[in-house]
Amino acid sequence: MNRNQEKKQTEQLVLASAREAGAPIPTGETAGEEPDFRFLTPNGALGIEVSEVLRPASTNDGISPVEAEAFHQAIMLKAQERYQAMNAAPTRVSVYLSPARGKRQDKRQMIDALVDAVTRNRNRANPAVVLKGSELPEGFDHILITAESGEWWSGEGGGITLSEICAEIADKIAAKNKLVSRYRANLPTGGQVWLLLYSRVAVSRSVTIPFGIEEWRFPFEFDRVFWFASLENKVVDIRRAEST
């Protein structure tokens, strides 16, 4: 499956999940582009564009949390492959990496350091050992080595402030709002255009719906805008700012 196919599959799942969570989305959609889904309903044509709400780079000292997670996963995968090529003993490793503080880290050095730490301390795992203090290589806050088979795992942390959520929603709406006229042109005359925002469950991607969002207002030319939060399985109807 290529990236575009994965994207369309995710959008289809989001559409179905938002519908089940209470969004007034009809059935019988046709997938496409600009907008992502089209419907023919008794009330006329409808187009729905789908867009993901993400934790911005400002929540991770200037590095996108999604980018950081992918970087961490690559370290764990390569470290596990290298270790298993040299050692037959079943070993599972769980780590938390130190915050990058906005600085780029050297992937090869971190892989080397992790493999070395596990190699030197695997014999202490009876059935598990946690490396602490000076035992930890640079770039790691926690390493758990367990004497059992399993995938090597990296935990993610972080959060997002209320103001950052508001800014992220505003940015996502504004970016898609520039294309509303194009969406309308691709639908039969008189068709409505909705925007469906969504956030995922993964820590690096999760953005929760804040209390009081019903009072927030955003400018947009869509007929309706919704936000579906997967973690809460909740949909909110985003309110439009009154024109001045």
Protein backbone atom coordinates (compact mmCIF):
# COMPACT_ATOMS: atom_id res chain seq x y z
CA MET A 1 0.00 0.00 0.00
CA ASN A 2 1.49 3.36 -1.02
CA ARG A 3 1.23 6.60 0.94
CA ASN A 4 -1.79 7.88 -0.98
CA GLN A 5 -3.66 4.60 -0.45
CA GLU A 6 -2.86 4.72 3.27
CA LYS A 7 -4.12 8.31 3.39
CA LYS A 8 -7.42 7.41 1.72
CA GLN A 9 -7.86 4.39 3.97
CA THR A 10 -7.33 6.58 7.04
CA GLU A 11 -9.81 9.15 5.74
CA GLN A 12 -12.39 6.43 5.15
CA LEU A 13 -11.96 5.13 8.70
CA VAL A 14 -12.20 8.66 10.10
CA LEU A 15 -15.37 9.34 8.15
CA ALA A 16 -17.02 6.13 9.40
CA SER A 17 -15.87 6.67 13.00
CA ALA A 18 -17.07 10.28 13.06
CA ARG A 19 -20.42 9.15 11.69
CA GLU A 20 -20.74 6.52 14.43
CA ALA A 21 -19.74 9.11 17.05
CA GLY A 22 -22.64 11.35 16.05
CA ALA A 23 -21.56 13.54 13.14
CA PRO A 24 -24.53 13.95 10.74
CA ILE A 25 -22.62 12.40 7.84
CA PRO A 26 -24.76 10.48 5.35
CA THR A 27 -23.81 7.09 3.93
CA GLY A 28 -23.05 6.22 0.32
CA GLU A 29 -19.95 8.35 -0.10
CA THR A 30 -17.70 8.32 -3.14
CA ALA A 31 -14.01 8.84 -2.40
CA GLY A 32 -12.09 11.35 -4.48
CA GLU A 33 -10.05 14.53 -4.20
CA GLU A 34 -11.00 18.15 -3.60
CA PRO A 35 -13.13 17.33 -1.70
CA ASP A 36 -12.15 13.93 -0.28
CA PHE A 37 -15.71 12.54 -0.28
CA ARG A 38 -18.84 13.30 -2.28
CA PHE A 39 -22.45 12.42 -1.57
CA LEU A 40 -25.72 12.67 -3.44
CA THR A 41 -28.45 13.18 -0.83
CA PRO A 42 -32.16 13.97 -1.02
CA ASN A 43 -31.20 17.55 -0.13
CA GLY A 44 -28.60 17.86 -2.86
CA ALA A 45 -24.90 17.27 -3.29
CA LEU A 46 -22.48 17.29 -0.37
CA GLY A 47 -18.69 17.29 -0.32
CA ILE A 48 -16.57 16.61 2.76
CA GLU A 49 -12.89 17.47 3.03
CA VAL A 50 -10.91 15.66 5.77
CA SER A 51 -7.90 17.12 7.59
CA GLU A 52 -5.87 15.97 10.60
CA VAL A 53 -5.28 18.15 13.65
CA LEU A 54 -1.76 17.59 15.00
CA ARG A 55 0.31 18.66 17.96
CA PRO A 56 2.47 21.45 16.52
CA ALA A 57 6.26 21.62 16.71
CA SER A 58 5.96 24.22 19.47
CA THR A 59 4.88 21.41 21.84
CA ASN A 60 8.23 19.66 21.34
CA ASP A 61 10.82 22.44 21.36
CA GLY A 62 10.48 23.11 17.64
CA ILE A 63 10.46 19.51 16.41
CA SER A 64 7.20 17.99 15.22
CA PRO A 65 6.06 15.27 17.67
CA VAL A 66 5.16 13.05 14.70
CA GLU A 67 8.66 13.52 13.27
CA ALA A 68 10.20 12.75 16.68
CA GLU A 69 8.14 9.58 17.03
CA ALA A 70 9.24 8.32 13.61
CA PHE A 71 12.86 9.08 14.54
CA HIS A 72 12.52 7.11 17.79
CA GLN A 73 10.86 4.16 16.05
CA ALA A 74 13.69 4.01 13.51
CA ILE A 75 16.25 3.90 16.34
CA MET A 76 14.45 1.05 18.09
CA LEU A 77 14.01 -1.00 14.90
CA LYS A 78 17.65 -0.73 13.83
CA ALA A 79 18.95 -1.33 17.36
CA GLN A 80 16.82 -4.46 17.71
CA GLU A 81 17.93 -5.79 14.33
CA ARG A 82 21.60 -5.21 15.13
CA TYR A 83 21.38 -6.72 18.61
CA GLN A 84 19.52 -9.83 17.43
CA ALA A 85 22.12 -10.39 14.72
CA MET A 86 24.78 -10.64 17.43
CA ASN A 87 22.89 -12.22 20.35
CA ALA A 88 20.61 -15.24 20.43
CA ALA A 89 19.20 -14.66 23.93
CA PRO A 90 15.56 -13.44 23.80
CA THR A 91 15.54 -9.78 24.81
CA ARG A 92 12.85 -7.13 24.94
CA VAL A 93 13.73 -3.46 25.48
CA SER A 94 11.58 -0.49 26.40
CA VAL A 95 12.98 3.05 26.50
CA TYR A 96 12.11 6.68 27.01
CA LEU A 97 14.43 9.04 25.20
CA SER A 98 15.54 12.38 26.59
CA PRO A 99 13.81 15.46 25.10
CA ALA A 100 15.78 16.74 22.14
CA ARG A 101 15.22 20.36 23.23
CA GLY A 102 14.95 21.41 19.61
CA LYS A 103 18.32 19.93 18.63
CA ARG A 104 18.86 17.27 15.98
CA GLN A 105 20.19 14.02 17.42
CA ASP A 106 22.55 11.60 15.68
CA LYS A 107 20.60 8.45 14.88
CA ARG A 108 23.64 6.23 14.37
CA GLN A 109 25.20 7.28 17.67
CA MET A 110 21.96 6.60 19.54
CA ILE A 111 21.59 3.16 17.95
CA ASP A 112 25.19 2.31 18.84
CA ALA A 113 24.71 3.53 22.42
CA LEU A 114 21.51 1.56 22.94
CA VAL A 115 22.91 -1.69 21.52
CA ASP A 116 26.00 -1.30 23.68
CA ALA A 117 23.97 -0.65 26.83
CA VAL A 118 21.75 -3.68 26.24
CA THR A 119 24.72 -5.93 25.41
CA ARG A 120 26.55 -4.96 28.60
CA ASN A 121 23.52 -5.33 30.88
CA ARG A 122 21.44 -8.18 29.40
CA ASN A 123 22.94 -10.69 31.87
CA ARG A 124 21.48 -8.66 34.76
CA ALA A 125 17.91 -9.14 33.49
CA ASN A 126 16.49 -11.71 35.92
CA PRO A 127 13.87 -11.37 34.63
CA ALA A 128 14.35 -7.62 34.08
CA VAL A 129 16.69 -4.75 34.86
CA VAL A 130 16.22 -0.97 34.69
CA LEU A 131 19.26 1.13 33.85
CA LYS A 132 19.62 4.21 36.05
CA GLY A 133 21.80 7.29 36.41
CA SER A 134 25.29 6.86 34.99
CA GLU A 135 24.26 3.50 33.45
CA LEU A 136 22.13 5.38 30.93
CA PRO A 137 23.80 6.46 27.70
CA GLU A 138 23.39 10.05 26.59
CA GLY A 139 20.00 10.70 25.05
CA PHE A 140 18.10 8.14 27.14
CA ASP A 141 16.03 8.76 30.29
CA HIS A 142 14.94 5.17 30.89
CA ILE A 143 15.94 1.72 29.58
CA LEU A 144 14.16 -1.47 30.68
CA ILE A 145 15.75 -4.76 29.58
CA THR A 146 13.63 -7.90 29.94
CA ALA A 147 14.71 -11.51 29.41
CA GLU A 148 11.91 -12.40 27.01
CA SER A 149 11.11 -12.14 23.34
CA GLY A 150 9.28 -9.06 22.13
CA GLU A 151 9.45 -5.89 20.10
CA TRP A 152 11.71 -3.08 21.24
CA TRP A 153 9.54 -0.11 22.17
CA SER A 154 9.97 3.62 22.67
CA GLY A 155 7.46 5.56 24.75
CA GLU A 156 6.40 9.06 23.79
CA GLY A 157 5.49 11.96 26.05
CA GLY A 158 4.41 15.57 25.79
CA GLY A 159 1.33 17.73 25.91
CA ILE A 160 -0.37 20.70 24.33
CA THR A 161 -1.75 23.92 25.82
CA LEU A 162 -5.18 25.42 25.29
CA SER A 163 -3.76 28.29 23.24
CA GLU A 164 -1.83 25.84 21.04
CA ILE A 165 -5.01 23.82 20.39
CA CYS A 166 -6.86 26.98 19.40
CA ALA A 167 -4.04 28.06 17.09
CA GLU A 168 -3.81 24.61 15.49
CA ILE A 169 -7.56 24.49 14.79
CA ALA A 170 -7.45 28.00 13.36
CA ASP A 171 -4.49 27.14 11.12
CA LYS A 172 -6.09 23.93 9.81
CA ILE A 173 -9.37 25.68 9.03
CA ALA A 174 -7.62 28.62 7.38
CA ALA A 175 -5.49 26.36 5.17
CA LYS A 176 -8.49 24.44 3.88
CA ASN A 177 -10.70 27.54 3.70
CA LYS A 178 -8.55 28.84 0.83
CA LEU A 179 -9.77 25.91 -1.27
CA VAL A 180 -13.51 26.14 -0.60
CA SER A 181 -14.25 27.70 -3.99
CA ARG A 182 -12.42 24.84 -5.70
CA TYR A 183 -14.38 22.26 -3.71
CA ARG A 184 -17.65 23.94 -4.66
CA ALA A 185 -16.67 24.04 -8.33
CA ASN A 186 -16.16 20.26 -8.26
CA LEU A 187 -19.70 19.67 -6.97
CA PRO A 188 -23.08 20.13 -8.64
CA THR A 189 -24.47 23.65 -8.35
CA GLY A 190 -25.79 24.37 -4.88
CA GLY A 191 -23.85 21.57 -3.18
CA GLN A 192 -22.68 22.02 0.38
CA VAL A 193 -19.07 21.68 1.49
CA TRP A 194 -18.12 20.49 4.97
CA LEU A 195 -14.75 20.21 6.66
CA LEU A 196 -14.10 17.25 8.97
CA LEU A 197 -11.11 17.74 11.26
CA TYR A 198 -9.84 14.76 13.23
CA SER A 199 -7.19 13.84 15.78
CA ARG A 200 -5.79 10.37 16.45
CA VAL A 201 -5.14 8.30 19.56
CA ALA A 202 -1.32 8.10 19.34
CA VAL A 203 0.49 10.29 21.88
CA SER A 204 2.44 12.13 19.18
CA ARG A 205 -0.78 12.94 17.33
CA SER A 206 -3.46 13.11 20.00
CA VAL A 207 -5.19 16.45 20.58
CA THR A 208 -8.12 16.34 22.99
CA ILE A 209 -11.23 18.46 22.64
CA PRO A 210 -10.96 21.16 25.33
CA PHE A 211 -13.71 22.19 27.71
CA GLY A 212 -15.54 25.26 26.45
CA ILE A 213 -14.83 24.76 22.76
CA GLU A 214 -18.53 25.44 22.16
CA GLU A 215 -17.73 29.09 22.78
CA TRP A 216 -14.85 29.26 20.31
CA ARG A 217 -15.44 30.96 16.96
CA PHE A 218 -13.43 30.65 13.75
CA PRO A 219 -13.88 32.35 10.37
CA PHE A 220 -14.63 29.99 7.49
CA GLU A 221 -16.64 29.66 4.29
CA PHE A 222 -17.49 25.98 4.70
CA ASP A 223 -21.15 25.26 5.32
CA ARG A 224 -20.19 23.29 8.43
CA VAL A 225 -17.00 22.31 10.25
CA PHE A 226 -16.70 19.34 12.62
CA TRP A 227 -13.89 17.99 14.78
CA PHE A 228 -13.73 14.29 15.62
CA ALA A 229 -11.32 13.26 18.43
CA SER A 230 -10.55 9.54 18.23
CA LEU A 231 -9.26 9.30 21.80
CA GLU A 232 -12.54 10.56 23.22
CA ASN A 233 -14.70 9.19 20.39
CA LYS A 234 -16.40 12.58 20.36
CA VAL A 235 -17.53 15.03 17.69
CA VAL A 236 -17.99 18.77 18.11
CA ASP A 237 -19.61 21.23 15.73
CA ILE A 238 -17.18 24.13 15.26
CA ARG A 239 -18.88 27.51 15.41
CA ARG A 240 -18.42 30.19 12.78
CA ALA A 241 -17.15 33.64 13.69
CA GLU A 242 -19.60 36.38 12.76
CA SER A 243 -18.38 38.53 9.91
CA THR A 244 -17.62 42.15 10.74
